[in-house]
């Protein structure tokens, strides 16, 4: 399979991800790269309350972009909750 074809099929597969699977994958990358307790990373969690500061948020954006093959503009309002992060990822997957 050529690179362009593989990239397109990767994007199509990402669009079909369920919210639970997105959260699961988000947990995996966050726990691996940002010092956050995996048990505290649930949909209703406030990012500041679980230790995600502004620097960690930028890192989280870059990690999500890499993991889900999406672009998240940094000029958008930064999310305050895990649910908002999930909303952004889902919206970006739909346009990807």
N, C-alpha and C. Protein backbone atom coordinates (compact mmCIF):
# COMPACT_ATOMS: atom_id res chain seq x y z
N UNK A 1 0.85 -1.17 0.00
CA UNK A 1 0.00 0.00 0.00
C UNK A 1 0.90 1.24 0.00
N UNK A 2 0.61 2.18 -0.84
CA UNK A 2 1.39 3.41 -0.89
C UNK A 2 1.11 4.25 0.34
N UNK A 3 2.07 5.15 0.64
CA UNK A 3 1.95 5.99 1.83
C UNK A 3 0.65 6.80 1.85
N UNK A 4 0.31 7.43 0.74
CA UNK A 4 -0.90 8.26 0.67
C UNK A 4 -2.15 7.43 0.93
N UNK A 5 -2.20 6.23 0.37
CA UNK A 5 -3.36 5.36 0.59
C UNK A 5 -3.44 4.92 2.04
N UNK A 6 -2.28 4.58 2.62
CA UNK A 6 -2.27 4.14 4.01
C UNK A 6 -2.70 5.28 4.93
N UNK A 7 -2.22 6.50 4.66
CA UNK A 7 -2.58 7.66 5.46
C UNK A 7 -4.09 7.91 5.40
N UNK A 8 -4.68 7.80 4.23
CA UNK A 8 -6.12 8.00 4.07
C UNK A 8 -6.89 6.93 4.83
N UNK A 9 -6.46 5.68 4.74
CA UNK A 9 -7.17 4.62 5.45
C UNK A 9 -7.00 4.77 6.95
N UNK A 10 -5.83 5.25 7.42
CA UNK A 10 -5.64 5.52 8.85
C UNK A 10 -6.64 6.56 9.32
N UNK A 11 -6.83 7.63 8.54
CA UNK A 11 -7.77 8.69 8.92
C UNK A 11 -9.19 8.16 8.96
N UNK A 12 -9.57 7.34 7.98
CA UNK A 12 -10.92 6.78 7.96
C UNK A 12 -11.15 5.91 9.18
N UNK A 13 -10.16 5.14 9.58
CA UNK A 13 -10.29 4.29 10.75
C UNK A 13 -10.45 5.14 12.01
N UNK A 14 -9.77 6.28 12.08
CA UNK A 14 -9.86 7.15 13.25
C UNK A 14 -11.26 7.72 13.42
N UNK A 15 -11.94 8.03 12.33
CA UNK A 15 -13.28 8.62 12.41
C UNK A 15 -14.25 7.69 13.11
N UNK A 16 -14.03 6.39 13.02
CA UNK A 16 -14.94 5.41 13.58
C UNK A 16 -14.67 5.11 15.06
N UNK A 17 -13.73 5.79 15.67
CA UNK A 17 -13.41 5.52 17.06
C UNK A 17 -14.57 5.93 17.97
N UNK A 18 -14.88 5.09 18.92
CA UNK A 18 -15.91 5.43 19.90
C UNK A 18 -15.30 6.37 20.95
N UNK A 19 -16.15 7.08 21.63
CA UNK A 19 -15.68 8.00 22.68
C UNK A 19 -14.91 7.24 23.75
N UNK A 20 -15.37 6.04 24.11
CA UNK A 20 -14.68 5.24 25.12
C UNK A 20 -13.29 4.85 24.65
N UNK A 21 -13.15 4.50 23.38
CA UNK A 21 -11.84 4.13 22.85
C UNK A 21 -10.92 5.35 22.77
N UNK A 22 -11.48 6.50 22.42
CA UNK A 22 -10.68 7.72 22.40
C UNK A 22 -10.16 8.01 23.81
N UNK A 23 -11.03 7.89 24.81
CA UNK A 23 -10.61 8.12 26.20
C UNK A 23 -9.53 7.12 26.60
N UNK A 24 -9.71 5.87 26.23
CA UNK A 24 -8.73 4.84 26.56
C UNK A 24 -7.37 5.18 25.95
N UNK A 25 -7.35 5.55 24.69
CA UNK A 25 -6.09 5.90 24.02
C UNK A 25 -5.51 7.18 24.60
N UNK A 26 -6.37 8.14 24.94
CA UNK A 26 -5.90 9.38 25.55
C UNK A 26 -5.24 9.09 26.90
N UNK A 27 -5.87 8.23 27.69
CA UNK A 27 -5.29 7.84 28.98
C UNK A 27 -3.91 7.24 28.79
N UNK A 28 -3.78 6.36 27.81
CA UNK A 28 -2.49 5.69 27.58
C UNK A 28 -1.38 6.69 27.27
N UNK A 29 -1.67 7.66 26.41
CA UNK A 29 -0.61 8.61 26.06
C UNK A 29 -0.36 9.61 27.19
N UNK A 30 -1.41 10.01 27.89
CA UNK A 30 -1.24 10.98 28.97
C UNK A 30 -0.46 10.36 30.13
N UNK A 31 -0.82 9.17 30.52
CA UNK A 31 -0.15 8.50 31.63
C UNK A 31 1.32 8.23 31.28
N UNK A 32 1.56 7.92 30.01
CA UNK A 32 2.93 7.63 29.57
C UNK A 32 3.81 8.88 29.55
N UNK A 33 3.23 10.02 29.20
CA UNK A 33 4.05 11.22 28.97
C UNK A 33 3.82 12.37 29.95
N UNK A 34 2.68 12.41 30.60
CA UNK A 34 2.37 13.49 31.55
C UNK A 34 2.09 12.85 32.90
N UNK A 35 2.59 13.43 33.96
CA UNK A 35 2.46 12.86 35.30
C UNK A 35 1.05 13.06 35.84
N UNK A 36 0.14 12.16 35.42
CA UNK A 36 -1.25 12.21 35.85
C UNK A 36 -1.66 10.81 36.28
N UNK A 37 -2.39 10.72 37.38
CA UNK A 37 -2.91 9.45 37.87
C UNK A 37 -3.98 8.95 36.88
N UNK A 38 -3.80 7.74 36.31
CA UNK A 38 -4.76 7.25 35.32
C UNK A 38 -6.19 7.11 35.87
N UNK A 39 -6.33 6.87 37.16
CA UNK A 39 -7.66 6.74 37.76
C UNK A 39 -8.41 8.08 37.78
N UNK A 40 -7.66 9.17 37.78
CA UNK A 40 -8.30 10.49 37.83
C UNK A 40 -8.71 10.98 36.45
N UNK A 41 -8.28 10.29 35.41
CA UNK A 41 -8.56 10.71 34.04
C UNK A 41 -9.87 10.09 33.56
N UNK A 42 -10.98 10.75 33.90
CA UNK A 42 -12.31 10.31 33.47
C UNK A 42 -13.01 11.50 32.84
N UNK A 43 -14.09 11.27 32.15
CA UNK A 43 -14.76 12.31 31.35
C UNK A 43 -15.10 13.57 32.13
N UNK A 44 -15.49 13.44 33.38
CA UNK A 44 -15.93 14.60 34.16
C UNK A 44 -14.79 15.32 34.87
N UNK A 45 -13.58 14.81 34.74
CA UNK A 45 -12.44 15.39 35.47
C UNK A 45 -12.07 16.77 34.93
N UNK A 46 -11.82 17.68 35.87
CA UNK A 46 -11.30 19.00 35.53
C UNK A 46 -9.79 18.85 35.36
N UNK A 47 -9.26 19.35 34.26
CA UNK A 47 -7.85 19.14 33.94
C UNK A 47 -6.92 19.74 34.99
N UNK A 48 -7.23 20.92 35.47
CA UNK A 48 -6.37 21.55 36.50
C UNK A 48 -6.40 20.73 37.80
N UNK A 49 -7.58 20.20 38.14
CA UNK A 49 -7.71 19.43 39.37
C UNK A 49 -6.88 18.15 39.35
N UNK A 50 -6.64 17.60 38.15
CA UNK A 50 -5.86 16.37 38.08
C UNK A 50 -4.39 16.63 37.76
N UNK A 51 -4.01 17.91 37.75
CA UNK A 51 -2.60 18.25 37.61
C UNK A 51 -2.13 18.64 36.22
N UNK A 52 -3.07 18.93 35.31
CA UNK A 52 -2.67 19.35 33.97
C UNK A 52 -2.61 20.87 33.96
N UNK A 53 -1.38 21.40 33.97
CA UNK A 53 -1.19 22.85 33.91
C UNK A 53 -1.12 23.30 32.46
N UNK A 54 -0.88 24.58 32.22
CA UNK A 54 -0.88 25.09 30.84
C UNK A 54 0.23 24.47 30.00
N UNK A 55 1.39 24.22 30.57
CA UNK A 55 2.47 23.57 29.83
C UNK A 55 2.07 22.13 29.46
N UNK A 56 1.51 21.42 30.43
CA UNK A 56 1.06 20.04 30.17
C UNK A 56 -0.06 20.01 29.13
N UNK A 57 -0.91 21.05 29.13
CA UNK A 57 -2.00 21.10 28.16
C UNK A 57 -1.45 21.21 26.74
N UNK A 58 -0.43 22.02 26.55
CA UNK A 58 0.17 22.13 25.21
C UNK A 58 0.78 20.79 24.81
N UNK A 59 1.44 20.14 25.75
CA UNK A 59 1.99 18.81 25.46
C UNK A 59 0.88 17.83 25.13
N UNK A 60 -0.23 17.91 25.86
CA UNK A 60 -1.37 17.04 25.60
C UNK A 60 -1.93 17.25 24.20
N UNK A 61 -2.00 18.50 23.76
CA UNK A 61 -2.48 18.81 22.42
C UNK A 61 -1.56 18.15 21.38
N UNK A 62 -0.26 18.31 21.54
CA UNK A 62 0.68 17.71 20.59
C UNK A 62 0.60 16.18 20.59
N UNK A 63 0.46 15.60 21.77
CA UNK A 63 0.34 14.15 21.86
C UNK A 63 -0.93 13.65 21.19
N UNK A 64 -2.04 14.36 21.41
CA UNK A 64 -3.31 13.98 20.79
C UNK A 64 -3.23 14.10 19.27
N UNK A 65 -2.58 15.16 18.80
CA UNK A 65 -2.42 15.33 17.35
C UNK A 65 -1.65 14.15 16.76
N UNK A 66 -0.59 13.76 17.44
CA UNK A 66 0.23 12.65 16.95
C UNK A 66 -0.53 11.32 17.01
N UNK A 67 -1.19 11.07 18.11
CA UNK A 67 -1.89 9.80 18.31
C UNK A 67 -3.07 9.63 17.36
N UNK A 68 -3.84 10.71 17.16
CA UNK A 68 -5.07 10.60 16.38
C UNK A 68 -4.93 11.14 14.96
N UNK A 69 -3.72 11.58 14.60
CA UNK A 69 -3.45 12.09 13.23
C UNK A 69 -4.40 13.25 12.88
N UNK A 70 -4.50 14.20 13.81
CA UNK A 70 -5.36 15.37 13.63
C UNK A 70 -4.55 16.63 13.89
N UNK A 71 -5.15 17.78 13.60
CA UNK A 71 -4.56 19.09 13.92
C UNK A 71 -5.52 19.81 14.86
N UNK A 72 -4.97 20.32 15.95
CA UNK A 72 -5.75 21.09 16.91
C UNK A 72 -5.11 22.47 16.99
N UNK A 73 -5.76 23.48 16.44
CA UNK A 73 -5.19 24.82 16.48
C UNK A 73 -5.02 25.32 17.91
N UNK A 74 -3.86 25.88 18.20
CA UNK A 74 -3.60 26.38 19.55
C UNK A 74 -4.29 27.70 19.83
N UNK A 75 -4.89 28.30 18.80
CA UNK A 75 -5.59 29.56 19.03
C UNK A 75 -7.02 29.34 19.52
N UNK A 76 -7.45 28.07 19.56
CA UNK A 76 -8.77 27.77 20.12
C UNK A 76 -8.69 27.86 21.64
N UNK A 77 -9.85 28.05 22.26
CA UNK A 77 -9.90 28.08 23.72
C UNK A 77 -9.47 26.72 24.27
N UNK A 78 -8.60 26.76 25.24
CA UNK A 78 -8.11 25.51 25.82
C UNK A 78 -9.21 24.85 26.65
N UNK A 79 -9.33 23.55 26.54
CA UNK A 79 -10.37 22.84 27.30
C UNK A 79 -10.07 22.86 28.79
N UNK A 80 -11.14 22.77 29.57
CA UNK A 80 -11.01 22.74 31.02
C UNK A 80 -11.26 21.36 31.60
N UNK A 81 -11.93 20.50 30.83
CA UNK A 81 -12.26 19.15 31.32
C UNK A 81 -11.82 18.10 30.31
N UNK A 82 -11.74 16.89 30.78
CA UNK A 82 -11.42 15.76 29.89
C UNK A 82 -12.51 15.63 28.83
N UNK A 83 -13.77 15.85 29.21
CA UNK A 83 -14.88 15.76 28.25
C UNK A 83 -14.68 16.75 27.11
N UNK A 84 -14.22 17.94 27.41
CA UNK A 84 -13.97 18.93 26.36
C UNK A 84 -12.83 18.50 25.44
N UNK A 85 -11.82 17.86 26.01
CA UNK A 85 -10.72 17.32 25.18
C UNK A 85 -11.29 16.27 24.23
N UNK A 86 -12.13 15.39 24.76
CA UNK A 86 -12.75 14.36 23.93
C UNK A 86 -13.61 14.97 22.83
N UNK A 87 -14.35 16.03 23.16
CA UNK A 87 -15.18 16.72 22.17
C UNK A 87 -14.31 17.27 21.03
N UNK A 88 -13.19 17.88 21.38
CA UNK A 88 -12.29 18.44 20.36
C UNK A 88 -11.74 17.34 19.47
N UNK A 89 -11.29 16.25 20.08
CA UNK A 89 -10.72 15.14 19.29
C UNK A 89 -11.79 14.57 18.36
N UNK A 90 -13.00 14.34 18.89
CA UNK A 90 -14.08 13.80 18.05
C UNK A 90 -14.39 14.74 16.89
N UNK A 91 -14.46 16.03 17.16
CA UNK A 91 -14.76 17.00 16.10
C UNK A 91 -13.67 17.01 15.05
N UNK A 92 -12.42 16.94 15.47
CA UNK A 92 -11.31 16.94 14.53
C UNK A 92 -11.24 15.64 13.72
N UNK A 93 -11.64 14.55 14.32
CA UNK A 93 -11.66 13.27 13.59
C UNK A 93 -12.70 13.31 12.49
N UNK A 94 -13.82 13.98 12.75
CA UNK A 94 -14.87 14.08 11.73
C UNK A 94 -14.44 14.89 10.53
N UNK A 95 -13.60 15.90 10.72
CA UNK A 95 -13.15 16.73 9.60
C UNK A 95 -11.85 16.25 8.99
N UNK A 96 -11.20 15.32 9.65
CA UNK A 96 -9.90 14.83 9.16
C UNK A 96 -10.02 14.05 7.87
